[in-house]
N, C-alpha and C. Protein backbone atom coordinates (compact mmCIF):
# COMPACT_ATOMS: atom_id res chain seq x y z
N MET A 1 -37.27 -46.59 7.71
CA MET A 1 -36.52 -45.34 7.77
C MET A 1 -37.46 -44.14 7.84
N ILE A 2 -38.53 -44.15 7.06
CA ILE A 2 -39.47 -43.03 7.05
C ILE A 2 -40.16 -42.89 8.40
N LYS A 3 -40.52 -44.02 9.04
CA LYS A 3 -41.17 -43.95 10.34
C LYS A 3 -40.26 -43.31 11.38
N LYS A 4 -38.98 -43.66 11.35
CA LYS A 4 -38.03 -43.09 12.30
C LYS A 4 -37.90 -41.58 12.07
N ALA A 5 -37.80 -41.15 10.84
CA ALA A 5 -37.70 -39.72 10.52
C ALA A 5 -38.96 -38.98 10.95
N THR A 6 -40.11 -39.59 10.75
CA THR A 6 -41.37 -38.98 11.16
C THR A 6 -41.42 -38.79 12.67
N ARG A 7 -40.97 -39.80 13.41
CA ARG A 7 -40.95 -39.69 14.87
C ARG A 7 -40.02 -38.57 15.32
N LEU A 8 -38.88 -38.43 14.67
CA LEU A 8 -37.96 -37.35 15.02
C LEU A 8 -38.58 -35.98 14.76
N LEU A 9 -39.26 -35.83 13.64
CA LEU A 9 -39.91 -34.57 13.32
C LEU A 9 -41.06 -34.28 14.28
N ASP A 10 -41.77 -35.32 14.70
CA ASP A 10 -42.89 -35.14 15.62
C ASP A 10 -42.45 -34.55 16.95
N ARG A 11 -41.23 -34.78 17.34
CA ARG A 11 -40.71 -34.23 18.60
C ARG A 11 -40.44 -32.73 18.50
N ARG A 12 -40.34 -32.23 17.30
CA ARG A 12 -40.02 -30.81 17.11
C ARG A 12 -41.31 -30.00 16.96
N HIS A 13 -42.15 -30.02 17.97
CA HIS A 13 -43.39 -29.25 17.87
C HIS A 13 -43.53 -28.20 18.97
N HIS A 14 -42.46 -27.93 19.69
CA HIS A 14 -42.49 -26.88 20.71
C HIS A 14 -41.96 -25.58 20.14
N ASN A 15 -42.44 -24.50 20.74
CA ASN A 15 -42.07 -23.15 20.27
C ASN A 15 -41.74 -22.26 21.45
N VAL A 16 -40.84 -21.33 21.23
CA VAL A 16 -40.65 -20.23 22.16
C VAL A 16 -41.39 -19.04 21.58
N TYR A 17 -41.76 -18.10 22.45
CA TYR A 17 -42.48 -16.91 21.98
C TYR A 17 -42.17 -15.74 22.90
N VAL A 18 -42.37 -14.54 22.38
CA VAL A 18 -42.12 -13.32 23.14
C VAL A 18 -43.34 -12.42 22.99
N VAL A 19 -43.82 -11.91 24.13
CA VAL A 19 -44.97 -11.01 24.15
C VAL A 19 -44.50 -9.63 24.59
N TYR A 20 -44.93 -8.61 23.88
CA TYR A 20 -44.67 -7.22 24.26
C TYR A 20 -45.64 -6.85 25.38
N LEU A 21 -45.11 -6.31 26.46
CA LEU A 21 -45.92 -5.90 27.61
C LEU A 21 -45.91 -4.38 27.73
N ARG A 22 -47.08 -3.81 27.85
CA ARG A 22 -47.18 -2.35 27.99
C ARG A 22 -47.19 -1.97 29.47
N ASN A 23 -46.12 -1.29 29.91
CA ASN A 23 -46.02 -0.71 31.25
C ASN A 23 -46.31 -1.72 32.38
N PRO A 24 -45.65 -2.88 32.39
CA PRO A 24 -45.98 -3.90 33.40
C PRO A 24 -45.62 -3.52 34.83
N ASN A 25 -44.64 -2.65 35.02
CA ASN A 25 -44.23 -2.24 36.37
C ASN A 25 -44.82 -0.90 36.79
N GLY A 26 -45.63 -0.30 35.92
CA GLY A 26 -46.25 0.98 36.25
C GLY A 26 -45.29 2.16 36.21
N ASP A 27 -44.15 1.98 35.56
CA ASP A 27 -43.15 3.06 35.49
C ASP A 27 -43.06 3.68 34.11
N GLY A 28 -43.99 3.32 33.23
CA GLY A 28 -44.00 3.88 31.88
C GLY A 28 -43.12 3.15 30.89
N LYS A 29 -42.36 2.15 31.35
CA LYS A 29 -41.46 1.40 30.47
C LYS A 29 -42.11 0.09 30.03
N ALA A 30 -41.85 -0.27 28.78
CA ALA A 30 -42.36 -1.53 28.25
C ALA A 30 -41.51 -2.69 28.74
N GLY A 31 -42.01 -3.89 28.55
CA GLY A 31 -41.27 -5.09 28.92
C GLY A 31 -41.63 -6.22 27.99
N TYR A 32 -41.07 -7.39 28.27
CA TYR A 32 -41.34 -8.57 27.48
C TYR A 32 -41.63 -9.76 28.39
N TYR A 33 -42.42 -10.67 27.87
CA TYR A 33 -42.64 -11.96 28.51
C TYR A 33 -42.12 -13.01 27.55
N VAL A 34 -41.29 -13.93 28.05
CA VAL A 34 -40.75 -15.01 27.22
C VAL A 34 -41.31 -16.32 27.73
N GLY A 35 -41.85 -17.11 26.81
CA GLY A 35 -42.42 -18.40 27.20
C GLY A 35 -42.12 -19.48 26.18
N MET A 36 -42.56 -20.69 26.52
CA MET A 36 -42.45 -21.82 25.60
C MET A 36 -43.77 -22.57 25.64
N THR A 37 -44.08 -23.24 24.53
CA THR A 37 -45.37 -23.91 24.42
C THR A 37 -45.33 -25.04 23.41
N GLY A 38 -46.24 -25.97 23.56
CA GLY A 38 -46.46 -27.01 22.56
C GLY A 38 -47.49 -26.57 21.54
N LEU A 39 -48.11 -25.42 21.77
CA LEU A 39 -49.08 -24.83 20.84
C LEU A 39 -48.34 -23.89 19.89
N THR A 40 -49.07 -23.28 18.98
CA THR A 40 -48.46 -22.20 18.20
C THR A 40 -48.36 -20.99 19.11
N PRO A 41 -47.43 -20.08 18.88
CA PRO A 41 -47.36 -18.87 19.69
C PRO A 41 -48.68 -18.09 19.67
N GLU A 42 -49.34 -18.07 18.54
CA GLU A 42 -50.61 -17.34 18.43
C GLU A 42 -51.69 -17.96 19.33
N GLN A 43 -51.77 -19.29 19.32
CA GLN A 43 -52.75 -19.97 20.19
C GLN A 43 -52.42 -19.74 21.66
N ARG A 44 -51.14 -19.81 21.99
CA ARG A 44 -50.75 -19.62 23.40
C ARG A 44 -51.05 -18.20 23.86
N PHE A 45 -50.79 -17.21 23.02
CA PHE A 45 -51.08 -15.82 23.38
C PHE A 45 -52.58 -15.64 23.60
N GLN A 46 -53.40 -16.22 22.73
CA GLN A 46 -54.86 -16.14 22.89
C GLN A 46 -55.28 -16.78 24.22
N ASN A 47 -54.66 -17.89 24.57
CA ASN A 47 -54.97 -18.53 25.84
C ASN A 47 -54.61 -17.63 27.02
N HIS A 48 -53.44 -17.01 26.98
CA HIS A 48 -53.05 -16.06 28.04
C HIS A 48 -54.13 -14.98 28.19
N LYS A 49 -54.52 -14.37 27.08
CA LYS A 49 -55.48 -13.28 27.13
C LYS A 49 -56.86 -13.74 27.60
N ALA A 50 -57.19 -15.01 27.34
CA ALA A 50 -58.48 -15.57 27.76
C ALA A 50 -58.43 -16.10 29.20
N GLY A 51 -57.26 -16.06 29.81
CA GLY A 51 -57.12 -16.55 31.18
C GLY A 51 -56.91 -18.04 31.30
N ILE A 52 -56.59 -18.72 30.20
CA ILE A 52 -56.36 -20.16 30.20
C ILE A 52 -54.88 -20.43 30.46
N LYS A 53 -54.58 -20.99 31.62
CA LYS A 53 -53.19 -21.23 32.03
C LYS A 53 -52.35 -19.97 31.80
N ALA A 54 -52.91 -18.85 32.19
CA ALA A 54 -52.33 -17.55 31.85
C ALA A 54 -51.31 -17.07 32.87
N ALA A 55 -50.29 -16.42 32.38
CA ALA A 55 -49.41 -15.63 33.23
C ALA A 55 -50.14 -14.31 33.44
N SER A 56 -50.34 -13.92 34.69
CA SER A 56 -51.14 -12.72 34.96
C SER A 56 -50.58 -11.48 34.29
N VAL A 57 -49.25 -11.39 34.19
CA VAL A 57 -48.65 -10.22 33.56
C VAL A 57 -49.00 -10.14 32.07
N VAL A 58 -49.13 -11.29 31.42
CA VAL A 58 -49.50 -11.30 30.00
C VAL A 58 -50.99 -11.00 29.85
N LYS A 59 -51.80 -11.59 30.71
CA LYS A 59 -53.24 -11.34 30.63
C LYS A 59 -53.53 -9.85 30.81
N ARG A 60 -52.84 -9.23 31.74
CA ARG A 60 -53.11 -7.82 32.06
C ARG A 60 -52.42 -6.82 31.13
N TYR A 61 -51.14 -7.07 30.80
CA TYR A 61 -50.34 -6.08 30.07
C TYR A 61 -49.92 -6.51 28.66
N GLY A 62 -50.18 -7.76 28.30
CA GLY A 62 -49.74 -8.27 26.99
C GLY A 62 -50.46 -7.58 25.84
N GLU A 63 -49.69 -7.03 24.92
CA GLU A 63 -50.24 -6.30 23.77
C GLU A 63 -50.22 -7.12 22.49
N ARG A 64 -49.08 -7.78 22.25
CA ARG A 64 -48.91 -8.50 20.98
C ARG A 64 -47.68 -9.39 21.05
N LEU A 65 -47.64 -10.35 20.15
CA LEU A 65 -46.46 -11.17 19.98
C LEU A 65 -45.39 -10.38 19.23
N VAL A 66 -44.13 -10.76 19.41
CA VAL A 66 -43.01 -10.10 18.72
C VAL A 66 -42.26 -11.18 17.92
N PRO A 67 -42.84 -11.62 16.78
CA PRO A 67 -42.28 -12.74 16.01
C PRO A 67 -40.83 -12.56 15.57
N LYS A 68 -40.40 -11.34 15.32
CA LYS A 68 -39.02 -11.16 14.84
C LYS A 68 -37.99 -11.61 15.87
N LEU A 69 -38.40 -11.75 17.13
CA LEU A 69 -37.48 -12.19 18.17
C LEU A 69 -37.41 -13.71 18.32
N TYR A 70 -38.39 -14.44 17.75
CA TYR A 70 -38.41 -15.89 17.97
C TYR A 70 -38.73 -16.74 16.75
N GLU A 71 -39.35 -16.18 15.74
CA GLU A 71 -39.84 -16.95 14.60
C GLU A 71 -38.78 -17.86 13.96
N HIS A 72 -37.56 -17.33 13.83
CA HIS A 72 -36.48 -18.08 13.18
C HIS A 72 -36.00 -19.28 14.01
N LEU A 73 -36.42 -19.36 15.28
CA LEU A 73 -35.97 -20.42 16.17
C LEU A 73 -36.89 -21.64 16.18
N ASN A 74 -38.14 -21.45 15.82
CA ASN A 74 -39.17 -22.50 15.95
C ASN A 74 -39.31 -23.35 14.71
N PRO A 75 -39.81 -24.58 14.81
CA PRO A 75 -40.09 -25.35 16.01
C PRO A 75 -38.85 -26.05 16.52
N MET A 76 -38.98 -26.66 17.72
CA MET A 76 -37.86 -27.38 18.32
C MET A 76 -38.38 -28.43 19.29
N THR A 77 -37.49 -29.23 19.81
CA THR A 77 -37.89 -30.24 20.79
C THR A 77 -38.21 -29.55 22.12
N PHE A 78 -38.86 -30.28 23.01
CA PHE A 78 -39.17 -29.75 24.33
C PHE A 78 -37.90 -29.31 25.06
N GLY A 79 -36.89 -30.16 25.05
CA GLY A 79 -35.64 -29.84 25.74
C GLY A 79 -34.97 -28.60 25.17
N ALA A 80 -34.96 -28.49 23.85
CA ALA A 80 -34.35 -27.32 23.22
C ALA A 80 -35.16 -26.06 23.54
N ALA A 81 -36.49 -26.19 23.59
CA ALA A 81 -37.34 -25.03 23.90
C ALA A 81 -37.10 -24.54 25.32
N LYS A 82 -36.92 -25.47 26.25
CA LYS A 82 -36.64 -25.09 27.64
C LYS A 82 -35.36 -24.28 27.74
N VAL A 83 -34.33 -24.74 27.06
CA VAL A 83 -33.05 -24.04 27.08
C VAL A 83 -33.16 -22.70 26.36
N MET A 84 -33.80 -22.69 25.20
CA MET A 84 -33.92 -21.47 24.40
C MET A 84 -34.75 -20.41 25.11
N GLU A 85 -35.79 -20.81 25.83
CA GLU A 85 -36.61 -19.87 26.58
C GLU A 85 -35.75 -19.09 27.57
N ALA A 86 -34.93 -19.80 28.33
CA ALA A 86 -34.05 -19.16 29.31
C ALA A 86 -33.01 -18.28 28.64
N GLU A 87 -32.43 -18.75 27.54
CA GLU A 87 -31.40 -17.98 26.84
C GLU A 87 -31.97 -16.72 26.22
N LEU A 88 -33.15 -16.82 25.64
CA LEU A 88 -33.79 -15.66 25.02
C LEU A 88 -34.14 -14.62 26.08
N ALA A 89 -34.67 -15.06 27.21
CA ALA A 89 -34.99 -14.13 28.30
C ALA A 89 -33.73 -13.44 28.81
N GLU A 90 -32.67 -14.21 29.01
CA GLU A 90 -31.42 -13.63 29.50
C GLU A 90 -30.83 -12.64 28.50
N ASP A 91 -30.91 -12.95 27.23
CA ASP A 91 -30.41 -12.05 26.20
C ASP A 91 -31.15 -10.71 26.25
N LEU A 92 -32.46 -10.76 26.40
CA LEU A 92 -33.24 -9.51 26.49
C LEU A 92 -32.91 -8.74 27.76
N ARG A 93 -32.71 -9.45 28.86
CA ARG A 93 -32.32 -8.78 30.12
C ARG A 93 -30.97 -8.08 29.97
N LYS A 94 -30.03 -8.76 29.32
CA LYS A 94 -28.69 -8.17 29.11
C LYS A 94 -28.76 -6.90 28.26
N ARG A 95 -29.79 -6.82 27.40
CA ARG A 95 -29.98 -5.63 26.58
C ARG A 95 -30.69 -4.52 27.34
N GLY A 96 -31.04 -4.78 28.60
CA GLY A 96 -31.64 -3.75 29.45
C GLY A 96 -33.16 -3.76 29.52
N TYR A 97 -33.80 -4.78 28.97
CA TYR A 97 -35.26 -4.84 29.01
C TYR A 97 -35.76 -5.50 30.29
N VAL A 98 -36.94 -5.10 30.72
CA VAL A 98 -37.64 -5.78 31.81
C VAL A 98 -38.23 -7.04 31.22
N VAL A 99 -37.92 -8.21 31.80
CA VAL A 99 -38.37 -9.48 31.23
C VAL A 99 -39.05 -10.32 32.31
N PHE A 100 -40.18 -10.87 31.96
CA PHE A 100 -40.92 -11.79 32.82
C PHE A 100 -40.86 -13.16 32.14
N GLY A 101 -41.09 -14.21 32.92
CA GLY A 101 -41.04 -15.57 32.36
C GLY A 101 -39.60 -15.99 32.13
N GLY A 102 -39.43 -16.85 31.14
CA GLY A 102 -38.07 -17.30 30.81
C GLY A 102 -37.47 -18.20 31.85
N HIS A 103 -38.29 -19.03 32.49
CA HIS A 103 -37.81 -19.91 33.57
C HIS A 103 -36.89 -20.96 33.03
């Protein structure tokens, strides 16, 4: 029973994350990038900034993570993270924000 529970918990190691973008469209307005990762959001953000599997918009305009928008959701399975990434991006768009990512 413990092995089965451990395997189920092991699948919940994916995270969604949101990055604040400073003026990504050059119009003076801020935006957000929404992504998902098997790393911690902090590690993934560092990779973006270092150019490792980076989204160019995050590398160039990414300022910081916005944990209050995603922290309560993590961790989750890969499938749940894929769905949540899209839902989180859409929710921010509906609120009028410029959003990148969120595929």
